Amino acid sequence: MKALVVGASGFLGANLVRALLARGDAVRALVRATSRLQALDGLEIERVTGDLNDADSLTRACEGVRVVYQTASYYPPHTIPAASATAQAMAETRNLLTAVRRASVERLVFTSTLTTIGFPAGPGRMANEECPFVPRYPHNPYLMSKAAMEQAVLEAARDGLPAVVVNPTAFYGPYDSKP
């Protein structure tokens, strides 16, 4: 299977690339022109240069792949307004969703965050994707932009786009350039 990893040079993306290669998948790695690529050195992958802000580069990157793993994310500084961060993140997400649709990709796996899952209704209950998101920190640009991106992907999935969202917690390990 041929997979596109968006954000392949990042911590999560570089580890995902290795896992996909280990199971025998062909991998196309979308990296920015300014990306540090050391985590991908020596890997037999197809590298393509693009950016979530460049819709045409995303369309080209999605052509001919069966699955797209979105591991890149806009990470805004806490000094900018949450509304500005969300607008930027949503533009990037719309670009990716459009590219996935145009290329008739079979599956989009979108990486979100645990912080977008709401709290359970009562004590002793576990949180899951059915728990509504309630912004505890509505001025946090990262939190608000991630929640908006996730909702856009879920809405696209309800409209027929073959997409799933994963909500990882903190992770650590090899190829972490920012410990």
C-alpha atoms as a PDB file:
ATOM      1  CA  MET A   1       0.000   0.000   0.000  1.00  0.00           C
ATOM      2  CA  LYS A   2       1.242   3.517  -0.732  1.00  0.00           C
ATOM      3  CA  ALA A   3       0.860   6.006   2.093  1.00  0.00           C
ATOM      4  CA  LEU A   4       1.469   9.725   2.361  1.00  0.00           C
ATOM      5  CA  VAL A   5       2.771  10.997   5.682  1.00  0.00           C
ATOM      6  CA  VAL A   6       2.159  14.716   6.110  1.00  0.00           C
ATOM      7  CA  GLY A   7       4.675  15.971   8.649  1.00  0.00           C
ATOM      8  CA  ALA A   8       7.036  13.066   8.027  1.00  0.00           C
ATOM      9  CA  SER A   9      10.095  14.906   9.320  1.00  0.00           C
ATOM     10  CA  GLY A  10       8.528  15.548  12.724  1.00  0.00           C
ATOM     11  CA  PHE A  11       8.692  13.375  15.804  1.00  0.00           C
ATOM     12  CA  LEU A  12       5.476  11.437  15.291  1.00  0.00           C
ATOM     13  CA  GLY A  13       5.774  11.429  11.507  1.00  0.00           C
ATOM     14  CA  ALA A  14       9.321  10.032  11.426  1.00  0.00           C
ATOM     15  CA  ASN A  15       8.352   7.181  13.728  1.00  0.00           C
ATOM     16  CA  LEU A  16       5.225   6.485  11.688  1.00  0.00           C
ATOM     17  CA  VAL A  17       7.277   6.385   8.474  1.00  0.00           C
ATOM     18  CA  ARG A  18       9.485   3.684  10.011  1.00  0.00           C
ATOM     19  CA  ALA A  19       6.472   1.663  11.171  1.00  0.00           C
ATOM     20  CA  LEU A  20       4.888   1.838   7.715  1.00  0.00           C
ATOM     21  CA  LEU A  21       8.129   0.778   6.034  1.00  0.00           C
ATOM     22  CA  ALA A  22       8.526  -2.095   8.510  1.00  0.00           C
ATOM     23  CA  ARG A  23       5.136  -3.479   7.523  1.00  0.00           C
ATOM     24  CA  GLY A  24       5.993  -3.193   3.833  1.00  0.00           C
ATOM     25  CA  ASP A  25       4.177  -0.026   2.798  1.00  0.00           C
ATOM     26  CA  ALA A  26       5.590   2.364   0.229  1.00  0.00           C
ATOM     27  CA  VAL A  27       5.877   5.815   1.792  1.00  0.00           C
ATOM     28  CA  ARG A  28       5.682   9.278   0.317  1.00  0.00           C
ATOM     29  CA  ALA A  29       6.842  11.904   2.800  1.00  0.00           C
ATOM     30  CA  LEU A  30       5.511  15.444   2.556  1.00  0.00           C
ATOM     31  CA  VAL A  31       8.081  17.846   3.973  1.00  0.00           C
ATOM     32  CA  ARG A  32       8.422  21.604   3.875  1.00  0.00           C
ATOM     33  CA  ALA A  33      11.353  23.217   2.100  1.00  0.00           C
ATOM     34  CA  THR A  34      12.558  24.382   5.518  1.00  0.00           C
ATOM     35  CA  SER A  35      12.159  21.021   7.300  1.00  0.00           C
ATOM     36  CA  ARG A  36      15.033  19.357   9.111  1.00  0.00           C
ATOM     37  CA  LEU A  37      15.236  15.959   7.453  1.00  0.00           C
ATOM     38  CA  GLN A  38      17.771  14.113   9.627  1.00  0.00           C
ATOM     39  CA  ALA A  39      15.086  11.819  11.048  1.00  0.00           C
ATOM     40  CA  LEU A  40      14.420  10.535   7.511  1.00  0.00           C
ATOM     41  CA  ASP A  41      18.059   9.993   6.493  1.00  0.00           C
ATOM     42  CA  GLY A  42      18.738   6.594   4.971  1.00  0.00           C
ATOM     43  CA  LEU A  43      15.093   5.643   4.533  1.00  0.00           C
ATOM     44  CA  GLU A  44      13.800   4.413   1.187  1.00  0.00           C
ATOM     45  CA  ILE A  45      10.946   6.831   0.794  1.00  0.00           C
ATOM     46  CA  GLU A  46       9.689   9.259  -1.781  1.00  0.00           C
ATOM     47  CA  ARG A  47      10.136  12.816  -0.538  1.00  0.00           C
ATOM     48  CA  VAL A  48       7.922  15.574  -1.883  1.00  0.00           C
ATOM     49  CA  THR A  49       8.134  19.200  -0.914  1.00  0.00           C
ATOM     50  CA  GLY A  50       4.923  20.905   0.035  1.00  0.00           C
ATOM     51  CA  ASP A  51       3.102  22.833   2.687  1.00  0.00           C
ATOM     52  CA  LEU A  52      -0.328  22.768   4.276  1.00  0.00           C
ATOM     53  CA  ASN A  53      -0.728  26.364   3.109  1.00  0.00           C
ATOM     54  CA  ASP A  54      -0.121  25.346  -0.523  1.00  0.00           C
ATOM     55  CA  ALA A  55      -3.232  23.553  -1.774  1.00  0.00           C
ATOM     56  CA  ASP A  56      -1.638  22.585  -5.097  1.00  0.00           C
ATOM     57  CA  SER A  57       1.316  20.915  -3.374  1.00  0.00           C
ATOM     58  CA  LEU A  58      -1.098  18.893  -1.250  1.00  0.00           C
ATOM     59  CA  THR A  59      -3.108  17.809  -4.275  1.00  0.00           C
ATOM     60  CA  ARG A  60       0.070  16.614  -6.005  1.00  0.00           C
ATOM     61  CA  ALA A  61       1.253  14.834  -2.858  1.00  0.00           C
ATOM     62  CA  CYS A  62      -2.058  12.967  -2.464  1.00  0.00           C
ATOM     63  CA  GLU A  63      -2.155  11.670  -6.033  1.00  0.00           C
ATOM     64  CA  GLY A  64      -1.738   7.909  -6.218  1.00  0.00           C
ATOM     65  CA  VAL A  65      -1.771   7.154  -2.487  1.00  0.00           C
ATOM     66  CA  ARG A  66      -4.332   5.025  -0.691  1.00  0.00           C
ATOM     67  CA  VAL A  67      -4.017   6.511   2.777  1.00  0.00           C
ATOM     68  CA  VAL A  68      -2.934   9.899   4.114  1.00  0.00           C
ATOM     69  CA  TYR A  69      -1.602  10.220   7.646  1.00  0.00           C
ATOM     70  CA  GLN A  70      -1.770  13.812   8.864  1.00  0.00           C
ATOM     71  CA  THR A  71       0.837  14.156  11.633  1.00  0.00           C
ATOM     72  CA  ALA A  72       1.779  17.785  10.995  1.00  0.00           C
ATOM     73  CA  SER A  73       0.073  20.529  12.856  1.00  0.00           C
ATOM     74  CA  TYR A  74       0.076  24.234  13.177  1.00  0.00           C
ATOM     75  CA  TYR A  75       1.514  24.934  16.623  1.00  0.00           C
ATOM     76  CA  PRO A  76       0.809  28.586  17.384  1.00  0.00           C
ATOM     77  CA  PRO A  77       2.640  30.548  20.047  1.00  0.00           C
ATOM     78  CA  HIS A  78       0.521  31.375  23.077  1.00  0.00           C
ATOM     79  CA  THR A  79       1.005  35.073  22.362  1.00  0.00           C
ATOM     80  CA  ILE A  80      -1.352  35.193  19.389  1.00  0.00           C
ATOM     81  CA  PRO A  81      -5.136  35.283  19.732  1.00  0.00           C
ATOM     82  CA  ALA A  82      -6.906  31.931  19.625  1.00  0.00           C
ATOM     83  CA  ALA A  83      -9.166  33.185  16.813  1.00  0.00           C
ATOM     84  CA  SER A  84      -6.151  33.989  14.607  1.00  0.00           C
ATOM     85  CA  ALA A  85      -4.577  30.607  15.300  1.00  0.00           C
ATOM     86  CA  THR A  86      -7.835  28.840  14.538  1.00  0.00           C
ATOM     87  CA  ALA A  87      -8.261  30.687  11.234  1.00  0.00           C
ATOM     88  CA  GLN A  88      -4.757  29.650  10.138  1.00  0.00           C
ATOM     89  CA  ALA A  89      -5.249  26.045  11.246  1.00  0.00           C
ATOM     90  CA  MET A  90      -8.610  25.808   9.509  1.00  0.00           C
ATOM     91  CA  ALA A  91      -7.189  27.090   6.224  1.00  0.00           C
ATOM     92  CA  GLU A  92      -4.546  24.355   6.357  1.00  0.00           C
ATOM     93  CA  THR A  93      -7.112  21.702   7.251  1.00  0.00           C
ATOM     94  CA  ARG A  94      -9.453  22.740   4.437  1.00  0.00           C
ATOM     95  CA  ASN A  95      -6.546  22.517   1.991  1.00  0.00           C
ATOM     96  CA  LEU A  96      -5.774  18.971   3.104  1.00  0.00           C
ATOM     97  CA  LEU A  97      -9.408  17.838   3.055  1.00  0.00           C
ATOM     98  CA  THR A  98      -9.814  19.211  -0.462  1.00  0.00           C
ATOM     99  CA  ALA A  99      -6.669  17.434  -1.651  1.00  0.00           C
ATOM    100  CA  VAL A 100      -7.784  14.126  -0.111  1.00  0.00           C
ATOM    101  CA  ARG A 101     -11.161  14.416  -1.861  1.00  0.00           C
ATOM    102  CA  ARG A 102      -9.643  15.335  -5.227  1.00  0.00           C
ATOM    103  CA  ALA A 103      -7.242  12.394  -5.132  1.00  0.00           C
ATOM    104  CA  SER A 104      -9.947   9.924  -4.042  1.00  0.00           C
ATOM    105  CA  VAL A 105      -7.794   8.771  -1.139  1.00  0.00           C
ATOM    106  CA  GLU A 106      -9.235   5.693   0.577  1.00  0.00           C
ATOM    107  CA  ARG A 107      -8.544   6.872   4.131  1.00  0.00           C
ATOM    108  CA  LEU A 108      -7.397   9.969   5.987  1.00  0.00           C
ATOM    109  CA  VAL A 109      -5.965   9.379   9.451  1.00  0.00           C
ATOM    110  CA  PHE A 110      -5.919  12.736  11.207  1.00  0.00           C
ATOM    111  CA  THR A 111      -3.830  13.210  14.331  1.00  0.00           C
ATOM    112  CA  SER A 112      -5.498  15.407  16.909  1.00  0.00           C
ATOM    113  CA  THR A 113      -4.858  15.502  20.655  1.00  0.00           C
ATOM    114  CA  LEU A 114      -6.298  14.158  23.868  1.00  0.00           C
ATOM    115  CA  THR A 115      -7.244  17.688  24.897  1.00  0.00           C
ATOM    116  CA  THR A 116     -10.093  17.772  22.372  1.00  0.00           C
ATOM    117  CA  ILE A 117     -11.953  14.968  24.128  1.00  0.00           C
ATOM    118  CA  GLY A 118     -14.484  16.244  26.621  1.00  0.00           C
ATOM    119  CA  PHE A 119     -14.887  15.178  30.205  1.00  0.00           C
ATOM    120  CA  PRO A 120     -17.187  12.304  31.186  1.00  0.00           C
ATOM    121  CA  ALA A 121     -20.630  13.036  32.608  1.00  0.00           C
ATOM    122  CA  GLY A 122     -19.871  11.780  36.097  1.00  0.00           C
ATOM    123  CA  PRO A 123     -17.292  10.341  38.458  1.00  0.00           C
ATOM    124  CA  GLY A 124     -15.994   6.887  37.686  1.00  0.00           C
ATOM    125  CA  ARG A 125     -16.835   7.180  33.989  1.00  0.00           C
ATOM    126  CA  MET A 126     -14.271   7.166  31.224  1.00  0.00           C
ATOM    127  CA  ALA A 127     -14.002   9.843  28.579  1.00  0.00           C
ATOM    128  CA  ASN A 128     -14.438   8.890  24.942  1.00  0.00           C
ATOM    129  CA  GLU A 129     -15.250  10.516  21.622  1.00  0.00           C
ATOM    130  CA  GLU A 130     -18.889  10.888  22.664  1.00  0.00           C
ATOM    131  CA  CYS A 131     -17.963  13.356  25.425  1.00  0.00           C
ATOM    132  CA  PRO A 132     -18.551  16.884  24.130  1.00  0.00           C
ATOM    133  CA  PHE A 133     -15.570  19.218  23.968  1.00  0.00           C
ATOM    134  CA  VAL A 134     -15.848  22.048  26.460  1.00  0.00           C
ATOM    135  CA  PRO A 135     -13.011  24.550  26.183  1.00  0.00           C
ATOM    136  CA  ARG A 136     -11.536  24.943  29.645  1.00  0.00           C
ATOM    137  CA  TYR A 137      -8.995  27.404  28.267  1.00  0.00           C
ATOM    138  CA  PRO A 138     -10.762  29.276  25.446  1.00  0.00           C
ATOM    139  CA  HIS A 139      -7.858  31.679  24.982  1.00  0.00           C
ATOM    140  CA  ASN A 140      -5.331  28.880  24.369  1.00  0.00           C
ATOM    141  CA  PRO A 141      -4.561  29.076  20.633  1.00  0.00           C
ATOM    142  CA  TYR A 142      -3.267  25.502  20.357  1.00  0.00           C
ATOM    143  CA  LEU A 143      -6.228  23.939  22.118  1.00  0.00           C
ATOM    144  CA  MET A 144      -8.832  25.918  20.223  1.00  0.00           C
ATOM    145  CA  SER A 145      -7.203  25.385  16.819  1.00  0.00           C
ATOM    146  CA  LYS A 146      -6.859  21.617  17.390  1.00  0.00           C
ATOM    147  CA  ALA A 147     -10.509  21.370  18.415  1.00  0.00           C
ATOM    148  CA  ALA A 148     -11.618  23.263  15.309  1.00  0.00           C
ATOM    149  CA  MET A 149      -9.460  21.144  12.990  1.00  0.00           C
ATOM    150  CA  GLU A 150     -10.759  17.935  14.518  1.00  0.00           C
ATOM    151  CA  GLN A 151     -14.360  19.073  14.139  1.00  0.00           C
ATOM    152  CA  ALA A 152     -13.748  19.925  10.480  1.00  0.00           C
ATOM    153  CA  VAL A 153     -12.391  16.424   9.848  1.00  0.00           C
ATOM    154  CA  LEU A 154     -15.275  14.786  11.709  1.00  0.00           C
ATOM    155  CA  GLU A 155     -17.765  16.874   9.741  1.00  0.00           C
ATOM    156  CA  ALA A 156     -16.081  15.822   6.488  1.00  0.00           C
ATOM    157  CA  ALA A 157     -16.318  12.200   7.638  1.00  0.00           C
ATOM    158  CA  ARG A 158     -20.043  12.601   8.318  1.00  0.00           C
ATOM    159  CA  ASP A 159     -20.324  13.947   4.769  1.00  0.00           C
ATOM    160  CA  GLY A 160     -18.699  10.796   3.383  1.00  0.00           C
ATOM    161  CA  LEU A 161     -14.958  11.450   3.472  1.00  0.00           C
ATOM    162  CA  PRO A 162     -13.240   8.257   4.662  1.00  0.00           C
ATOM    163  CA  ALA A 163     -11.520   9.820   7.663  1.00  0.00           C
ATOM    164  CA  VAL A 164     -10.736   8.889  11.234  1.00  0.00           C
ATOM    165  CA  VAL A 165      -9.276  10.963  14.056  1.00  0.00           C
ATOM    166  CA  VAL A 166      -6.742   9.699  16.574  1.00  0.00           C
ATOM    167  CA  ASN A 167      -6.283  11.491  19.894  1.00  0.00           C
ATOM    168  CA  PRO A 168      -2.885  10.630  21.340  1.00  0.00           C
ATOM    169  CA  THR A 169      -1.662  11.721  24.729  1.00  0.00           C
ATOM    170  CA  ALA A 170       1.941  12.704  25.397  1.00  0.00           C
ATOM    171  CA  PHE A 171       4.525  10.532  23.704  1.00  0.00           C
ATOM    172  CA  TYR A 172       8.293  10.381  23.648  1.00  0.00           C
ATOM    173  CA  GLY A 173      11.037   8.363  22.008  1.00  0.00           C
ATOM    174  CA  PRO A 174      13.471   8.326  19.097  1.00  0.00           C
ATOM    175  CA  TYR A 175      13.639  11.223  16.637  1.00  0.00           C
ATOM    176  CA  ASP A 176      12.261  13.758  19.102  1.00  0.00           C
ATOM    177  CA  SER A 177      14.088  16.930  18.134  1.00  0.00           C
ATOM    178  CA  LYS A 178      12.462  19.006  20.871  1.00  0.00           C
ATOM    179  CA  PRO A 179      12.674  17.053  24.136  1.00  0.00           C
END
